Amino acid sequence: MDAMRTDLLMRVEGMTCDGCAAAVTRAIRRLDPQADVAVDRDHGRVAVTTLARADGIAEALTLAGYTATPMEP
């Protein structure tokens, strides 16, 4: 199953506190409960190892109130 997981890097604007980082993690894990999520709030980046697609994650984060776009790893 790990072979289908991908590493994604997302730029996420609007994260200002630890609560924001937790909200971003929750939004991603709603799509993929087994996702590995590493939030770098200071640089506005989120690294994710997941079964979900980047556009799905971006949409979930937009619905959670953040601006998210995929970045090149």
PDB file of N, CA and C in Angstrom:
ATOM      1  N   MET A   1       0.824  -1.197   0.000  1.00  0.00           N
ATOM      2  CA  MET A   1       0.000   0.000   0.000  1.00  0.00           C
ATOM      3  C   MET A   1       0.866   1.258   0.000  1.00  0.00           C
ATOM      4  N   ASP A   2       2.055   1.217   0.606  1.00  0.00           N
ATOM      5  CA  ASP A   2       2.923   2.381   0.633  1.00  0.00           C
ATOM      6  C   ASP A   2       3.337   2.812  -0.765  1.00  0.00           C
ATOM      7  N   ALA A   3       3.372   1.891  -1.726  1.00  0.00           N
ATOM      8  CA  ALA A   3       3.785   2.233  -3.083  1.00  0.00           C
ATOM      9  C   ALA A   3       2.835   3.242  -3.718  1.00  0.00           C
ATOM     10  N   MET A   4       1.587   3.285  -3.285  1.00  0.00           N
ATOM     11  CA  MET A   4       0.610   4.211  -3.857  1.00  0.00           C
ATOM     12  C   MET A   4       0.629   5.569  -3.154  1.00  0.00           C
ATOM     13  N   ARG A   5       1.329   5.660  -2.044  1.00  0.00           N
ATOM     14  CA  ARG A   5       1.402   6.925  -1.318  1.00  0.00           C
ATOM     15  C   ARG A   5       2.364   7.850  -2.041  1.00  0.00           C
ATOM     16  N   THR A   6       2.079   9.119  -2.019  1.00  0.00           N
ATOM     17  CA  THR A   6       2.954  10.096  -2.645  1.00  0.00           C
ATOM     18  C   THR A   6       3.352  11.159  -1.632  1.00  0.00           C
ATOM     19  N   ASP A   7       4.507  11.749  -1.884  1.00  0.00           N
ATOM     20  CA  ASP A   7       4.981  12.859  -1.070  1.00  0.00           C
ATOM     21  C   ASP A   7       4.591  14.154  -1.767  1.00  0.00           C
ATOM     22  N   LEU A   8       3.876  14.995  -1.054  1.00  0.00           N
ATOM     23  CA  LEU A   8       3.424  16.278  -1.592  1.00  0.00           C
ATOM     24  C   LEU A   8       3.955  17.400  -0.720  1.00  0.00           C
ATOM     25  N   LEU A   9       4.203  18.536  -1.344  1.00  0.00           N
ATOM     26  CA  LEU A   9       4.575  19.737  -0.613  1.00  0.00           C
ATOM     27  C   LEU A   9       3.584  20.819  -1.019  1.00  0.00           C
ATOM     28  N   MET A  10       2.943  21.408  -0.031  1.00  0.00           N
ATOM     29  CA  MET A  10       1.921  22.419  -0.286  1.00  0.00           C
ATOM     30  C   MET A  10       2.336  23.739   0.348  1.00  0.00           C
ATOM     31  N   ARG A  11       2.097  24.835  -0.367  1.00  0.00           N
ATOM     32  CA  ARG A  11       2.226  26.170   0.229  1.00  0.00           C
ATOM     33  C   ARG A  11       0.851  26.494   0.790  1.00  0.00           C
ATOM     34  N   VAL A  12       0.815  26.867   2.079  1.00  0.00           N
ATOM     35  CA  VAL A  12      -0.456  27.148   2.742  1.00  0.00           C
ATOM     36  C   VAL A  12      -0.356  28.530   3.379  1.00  0.00           C
ATOM     37  N   GLU A  13      -1.196  29.437   2.921  1.00  0.00           N
ATOM     38  CA  GLU A  13      -1.224  30.789   3.456  1.00  0.00           C
ATOM     39  C   GLU A  13      -2.324  30.915   4.497  1.00  0.00           C
ATOM     40  N   GLY A  14      -2.029  31.686   5.536  1.00  0.00           N
ATOM     41  CA  GLY A  14      -3.039  31.952   6.553  1.00  0.00           C
ATOM     42  C   GLY A  14      -2.825  31.220   7.861  1.00  0.00           C
ATOM     43  N   MET A  15      -1.783  30.391   7.950  1.00  0.00           N
ATOM     44  CA  MET A  15      -1.504  29.696   9.212  1.00  0.00           C
ATOM     45  C   MET A  15      -0.746  30.652  10.125  1.00  0.00           C
ATOM     46  N   THR A  16      -1.347  30.992  11.248  1.00  0.00           N
ATOM     47  CA  THR A  16      -0.715  31.963  12.145  1.00  0.00           C
ATOM     48  C   THR A  16      -0.428  31.427  13.542  1.00  0.00           C
ATOM     49  N   CYS A  17      -0.935  30.225  13.856  1.00  0.00           N
ATOM     50  CA  CYS A  17      -0.760  29.718  15.214  1.00  0.00           C
ATOM     51  C   CYS A  17      -0.789  28.194  15.211  1.00  0.00           C
ATOM     52  N   ASP A  18      -0.558  27.621  16.378  1.00  0.00           N
ATOM     53  CA  ASP A  18      -0.593  26.163  16.496  1.00  0.00           C
ATOM     54  C   ASP A  18      -1.987  25.610  16.228  1.00  0.00           C
ATOM     55  N   GLY A  19      -3.014  26.393  16.539  1.00  0.00           N
ATOM     56  CA  GLY A  19      -4.386  25.976  16.232  1.00  0.00           C
ATOM     57  C   GLY A  19      -4.604  25.853  14.734  1.00  0.00           C
ATOM     58  N   CYS A  20      -4.001  26.765  13.978  1.00  0.00           N
ATOM     59  CA  CYS A  20      -4.084  26.686  12.519  1.00  0.00           C
ATOM     60  C   CYS A  20      -3.398  25.420  12.013  1.00  0.00           C
ATOM     61  N   ALA A  21      -2.227  25.134  12.566  1.00  0.00           N
ATOM     62  CA  ALA A  21      -1.501  23.924  12.165  1.00  0.00           C
ATOM     63  C   ALA A  21      -2.338  22.681  12.453  1.00  0.00           C
ATOM     64  N   ALA A  22      -3.014  22.658  13.582  1.00  0.00           N
ATOM     65  CA  ALA A  22      -3.873  21.525  13.932  1.00  0.00           C
ATOM     66  C   ALA A  22      -5.064  21.441  12.986  1.00  0.00           C
ATOM     67  N   ALA A  23      -5.642  22.581  12.609  1.00  0.00           N
ATOM     68  CA  ALA A  23      -6.781  22.588  11.689  1.00  0.00           C
ATOM     69  C   ALA A  23      -6.369  22.086  10.309  1.00  0.00           C
ATOM     70  N   VAL A  24      -5.191  22.470   9.863  1.00  0.00           N
ATOM     71  CA  VAL A  24      -4.677  22.002   8.574  1.00  0.00           C
ATOM     72  C   VAL A  24      -4.477  20.486   8.612  1.00  0.00           C
ATOM     73  N   THR A  25      -3.888  20.003   9.685  1.00  0.00           N
ATOM     74  CA  THR A  25      -3.676  18.559   9.827  1.00  0.00           C
ATOM     75  C   THR A  25      -5.007  17.810   9.826  1.00  0.00           C
ATOM     76  N   ARG A  26      -5.982  18.323  10.554  1.00  0.00           N
ATOM     77  CA  ARG A  26      -7.312  17.672  10.596  1.00  0.00           C
ATOM     78  C   ARG A  26      -7.949  17.639   9.218  1.00  0.00           C
ATOM     79  N   ALA A  27      -7.863  18.741   8.479  1.00  0.00           N
ATOM     80  CA  ALA A  27      -8.471  18.801   7.146  1.00  0.00           C
ATOM     81  C   ALA A  27      -7.843  17.770   6.220  1.00  0.00           C
ATOM     82  N   ILE A  28      -6.545  17.607   6.295  1.00  0.00           N
ATOM     83  CA  ILE A  28      -5.861  16.617   5.446  1.00  0.00           C
ATOM     84  C   ILE A  28      -6.228  15.212   5.872  1.00  0.00           C
ATOM     85  N   ARG A  29      -6.282  14.976   7.165  1.00  0.00           N
ATOM     86  CA  ARG A  29      -6.586  13.619   7.646  1.00  0.00           C
ATOM     87  C   ARG A  29      -8.044  13.235   7.450  1.00  0.00           C
ATOM     88  N   ARG A  30      -8.908  14.190   7.164  1.00  0.00           N
ATOM     89  CA  ARG A  30     -10.285  13.831   6.787  1.00  0.00           C
ATOM     90  C   ARG A  30     -10.279  13.132   5.428  1.00  0.00           C
ATOM     91  N   LEU A  31      -9.364  13.547   4.551  1.00  0.00           N
ATOM     92  CA  LEU A  31      -9.237  12.907   3.243  1.00  0.00           C
ATOM     93  C   LEU A  31      -8.506  11.572   3.332  1.00  0.00           C
ATOM     94  N   ASP A  32      -7.460  11.532   4.132  1.00  0.00           N
ATOM     95  CA  ASP A  32      -6.636  10.335   4.289  1.00  0.00           C
ATOM     96  C   ASP A  32      -6.244  10.220   5.760  1.00  0.00           C
ATOM     97  N   PRO A  33      -6.981   9.417   6.522  1.00  0.00           N
ATOM     98  CA  PRO A  33      -6.707   9.303   7.954  1.00  0.00           C
ATOM     99  C   PRO A  33      -5.295   8.809   8.281  1.00  0.00           C
ATOM    100  N   GLN A  34      -4.642   8.145   7.337  1.00  0.00           N
ATOM    101  CA  GLN A  34      -3.305   7.616   7.564  1.00  0.00           C
ATOM    102  C   GLN A  34      -2.201   8.540   7.052  1.00  0.00           C
ATOM    103  N   ALA A  35      -2.556   9.731   6.598  1.00  0.00           N
ATOM    104  CA  ALA A  35      -1.573  10.664   6.046  1.00  0.00           C
ATOM    105  C   ALA A  35      -0.547  11.065   7.102  1.00  0.00           C
ATOM    106  N   ASP A  36       0.698  11.174   6.660  1.00  0.00           N
ATOM    107  CA  ASP A  36       1.752  11.748   7.498  1.00  0.00           C
ATOM    108  C   ASP A  36       1.807  13.230   7.144  1.00  0.00           C
ATOM    109  N   VAL A  37       1.594  14.091   8.121  1.00  0.00           N
ATOM    110  CA  VAL A  37       1.502  15.531   7.893  1.00  0.00           C
ATOM    111  C   VAL A  37       2.555  16.236   8.744  1.00  0.00           C
ATOM    112  N   ALA A  38       3.374  17.062   8.089  1.00  0.00           N
ATOM    113  CA  ALA A  38       4.375  17.867   8.794  1.00  0.00           C
ATOM    114  C   ALA A  38       4.140  19.323   8.420  1.00  0.00           C
ATOM    115  N   VAL A  39       3.699  20.118   9.388  1.00  0.00           N
ATOM    116  CA  VAL A  39       3.381  21.531   9.156  1.00  0.00           C
ATOM    117  C   VAL A  39       4.590  22.389   9.542  1.00  0.00           C
ATOM    118  N   ASP A  40       5.014  23.232   8.604  1.00  0.00           N
ATOM    119  CA  ASP A  40       6.058  24.229   8.856  1.00  0.00           C
ATOM    120  C   ASP A  40       5.367  25.589   8.804  1.00  0.00           C
ATOM    121  N   ARG A  41       4.791  25.965   9.933  1.00  0.00           N
ATOM    122  CA  ARG A  41       3.988  27.191   9.999  1.00  0.00           C
ATOM    123  C   ARG A  41       4.824  28.427   9.680  1.00  0.00           C
ATOM    124  N   ASP A  42       6.066  28.464  10.139  1.00  0.00           N
ATOM    125  CA  ASP A  42       6.918  29.631   9.930  1.00  0.00           C
ATOM    126  C   ASP A  42       7.182  29.916   8.458  1.00  0.00           C
ATOM    127  N   HIS A  43       7.245  28.865   7.647  1.00  0.00           N
ATOM    128  CA  HIS A  43       7.515  29.031   6.215  1.00  0.00           C
ATOM    129  C   HIS A  43       6.265  28.823   5.353  1.00  0.00           C
ATOM    130  N   GLY A  44       5.134  28.553   5.983  1.00  0.00           N
ATOM    131  CA  GLY A  44       3.885  28.391   5.244  1.00  0.00           C
ATOM    132  C   GLY A  44       3.863  27.179   4.342  1.00  0.00           C
ATOM    133  N   ARG A  45       4.453  26.073   4.832  1.00  0.00           N
ATOM    134  CA  ARG A  45       4.512  24.858   4.030  1.00  0.00           C
ATOM    135  C   ARG A  45       3.981  23.671   4.814  1.00  0.00           C
ATOM    136  N   VAL A  46       3.437  22.719   4.068  1.00  0.00           N
ATOM    137  CA  VAL A  46       2.981  21.472   4.660  1.00  0.00           C
ATOM    138  C   VAL A  46       3.483  20.332   3.780  1.00  0.00           C
ATOM    139  N   ALA A  47       4.222  19.410   4.382  1.00  0.00           N
ATOM    140  CA  ALA A  47       4.678  18.210   3.687  1.00  0.00           C
ATOM    141  C   ALA A  47       3.729  17.082   4.069  1.00  0.00           C
ATOM    142  N   VAL A  48       3.276  16.342   3.054  1.00  0.00           N
ATOM    143  CA  VAL A  48       2.283  15.286   3.284  1.00  0.00           C
ATOM    144  C   VAL A  48       2.696  14.032   2.524  1.00  0.00           C
ATOM    145  N   THR A  49       2.643  12.902   3.195  1.00  0.00           N
ATOM    146  CA  THR A  49       2.754  11.606   2.530  1.00  0.00           C
ATOM    147  C   THR A  49       1.365  11.009   2.610  1.00  0.00           C
ATOM    148  N   THR A  50       0.752  10.776   1.444  1.00  0.00           N
ATOM    149  CA  THR A  50      -0.683  10.489   1.425  1.00  0.00           C
ATOM    150  C   THR A  50      -1.111   9.700   0.199  1.00  0.00           C
ATOM    151  N   LEU A  51      -2.305   9.159   0.282  1.00  0.00           N
ATOM    152  CA  LEU A  51      -2.966   8.546  -0.865  1.00  0.00           C
ATOM    153  C   LEU A  51      -3.787   9.583  -1.629  1.00  0.00           C
ATOM    154  N   ALA A  52      -4.044  10.732  -0.997  1.00  0.00           N
ATOM    155  CA  ALA A  52      -4.866  11.780  -1.615  1.00  0.00           C
ATOM    156  C   ALA A  52      -4.078  12.527  -2.686  1.00  0.00           C
ATOM    157  N   ARG A  53      -4.805  13.179  -3.571  1.00  0.00           N
ATOM    158  CA  ARG A  53      -4.175  13.983  -4.623  1.00  0.00           C
ATOM    159  C   ARG A  53      -3.985  15.416  -4.139  1.00  0.00           C
ATOM    160  N   ALA A  54      -3.013  16.100  -4.732  1.00  0.00           N
ATOM    161  CA  ALA A  54      -2.699  17.475  -4.332  1.00  0.00           C
ATOM    162  C   ALA A  54      -3.905  18.387  -4.502  1.00  0.00           C
ATOM    163  N   ASP A  55      -4.667  18.226  -5.584  1.00  0.00           N
ATOM    164  CA  ASP A  55      -5.820  19.111  -5.783  1.00  0.00           C
ATOM    165  C   ASP A  55      -6.901  18.854  -4.736  1.00  0.00           C
ATOM    166  N   GLY A  56      -7.034  17.622  -4.286  1.00  0.00           N
ATOM    167  CA  GLY A  56      -7.991  17.318  -3.224  1.00  0.00           C
ATOM    168  C   GLY A  56      -7.581  17.933  -1.899  1.00  0.00           C
ATOM    169  N   ILE A  57      -6.296  17.893  -1.607  1.00  0.00           N
ATOM    170  CA  ILE A  57      -5.797  18.513  -0.383  1.00  0.00           C
ATOM    171  C   ILE A  57      -5.971  20.024  -0.454  1.00  0.00           C
ATOM    172  N   ALA A  58      -5.639  20.613  -1.596  1.00  0.00           N
ATOM    173  CA  ALA A  58      -5.805  22.064  -1.751  1.00  0.00           C
ATOM    174  C   ALA A  58      -7.257  22.463  -1.545  1.00  0.00           C
ATOM    175  N   GLU A  59      -8.180  21.685  -2.091  1.00  0.00           N
ATOM    176  CA  GLU A  59      -9.602  21.994  -1.925  1.00  0.00           C
ATOM    177  C   GLU A  59     -10.031  21.873  -0.463  1.00  0.00           C
ATOM    178  N   ALA A  60      -9.576  20.823   0.208  1.00  0.00           N
ATOM    179  CA  ALA A  60      -9.930  20.639   1.621  1.00  0.00           C
ATOM    180  C   ALA A  60      -9.399  21.788   2.473  1.00  0.00           C
ATOM    181  N   LEU A  61      -8.185  22.237   2.176  1.00  0.00           N
ATOM    182  CA  LEU A  61      -7.607  23.342   2.949  1.00  0.00           C
ATOM    183  C   LEU A  61      -8.298  24.662   2.640  1.00  0.00           C
ATOM    184  N   THR A  62      -8.740  24.832   1.401  1.00  0.00           N
ATOM    185  CA  THR A  62      -9.505  26.026   1.040  1.00  0.00           C
ATOM    186  C   THR A  62     -10.821  26.049   1.816  1.00  0.00           C
ATOM    187  N   LEU A  63     -11.486  24.904   1.891  1.00  0.00           N
ATOM    188  CA  LEU A  63     -12.736  24.821   2.645  1.00  0.00           C
ATOM    189  C   LEU A  63     -12.503  25.078   4.140  1.00  0.00           C
ATOM    190  N   ALA A  64     -11.291  24.772   4.619  1.00  0.00           N
ATOM    191  CA  ALA A  64     -10.957  25.016   6.027  1.00  0.00           C
ATOM    192  C   ALA A  64     -10.539  26.459   6.270  1.00  0.00           C
ATOM    193  N   GLY A  65     -10.466  27.275   5.202  1.00  0.00           N
ATOM    194  CA  GLY A  65     -10.175  28.694   5.376  1.00  0.00           C
ATOM    195  C   GLY A  65      -8.762  29.130   5.034  1.00  0.00           C
ATOM    196  N   TYR A  66      -8.006  28.281   4.347  1.00  0.00           N
ATOM    197  CA  TYR A  66      -6.624  28.591   4.000  1.00  0.00           C
ATOM    198  C   TYR A  66      -6.463  28.610   2.484  1.00  0.00           C
ATOM    199  N   THR A  67      -5.459  29.295   2.008  1.00  0.00           N
ATOM    200  CA  THR A  67      -5.118  29.271   0.593  1.00  0.00           C
ATOM    201  C   THR A  67      -3.987  28.283   0.422  1.00  0.00           C
ATOM    202  N   ALA A  68      -4.203  27.249  -0.386  1.00  0.00           N
ATOM    203  CA  ALA A  68      -3.213  26.184  -0.537  1.00  0.00           C
ATOM    204  C   ALA A  68      -2.939  25.918  -2.004  1.00  0.00           C
ATOM    205  N   THR A  69      -1.656  25.806  -2.330  1.00  0.00           N
ATOM    206  CA  THR A  69      -1.247  25.447  -3.694  1.00  0.00           C
ATOM    207  C   THR A  69      -0.104  24.440  -3.616  1.00  0.00           C
ATOM    208  N   PRO A  70      -0.075  23.494  -4.554  1.00  0.00           N
ATOM    209  CA  PRO A  70       1.024  22.523  -4.583  1.00  0.00           C
ATOM    210  C   PRO A  70       2.350  23.218  -4.928  1.00  0.00           C
ATOM    211  N   MET A  71       3.419  22.700  -4.360  1.00  0.00           N
ATOM    212  CA  MET A  71       4.770  23.175  -4.642  1.00  0.00           C
ATOM    213  C   MET A  71       5.580  22.005  -5.180  1.00  0.00           C
ATOM    214  N   GLU A  72       6.663  22.310  -5.866  1.00  0.00           N
ATOM    215  CA  GLU A  72       7.585  21.250  -6.282  1.00  0.00           C
ATOM    216  C   GLU A  72       8.379  20.832  -5.055  1.00  0.00           C
ATOM    217  N   PRO A  73       8.535  19.510  -4.864  1.00  0.00           N
ATOM    218  CA  PRO A  73       9.300  19.033  -3.689  1.00  0.00           C
ATOM    219  C   PRO A  73      10.768  19.408  -3.755  1.00  0.00           C
TER     220      PRO A  73
END
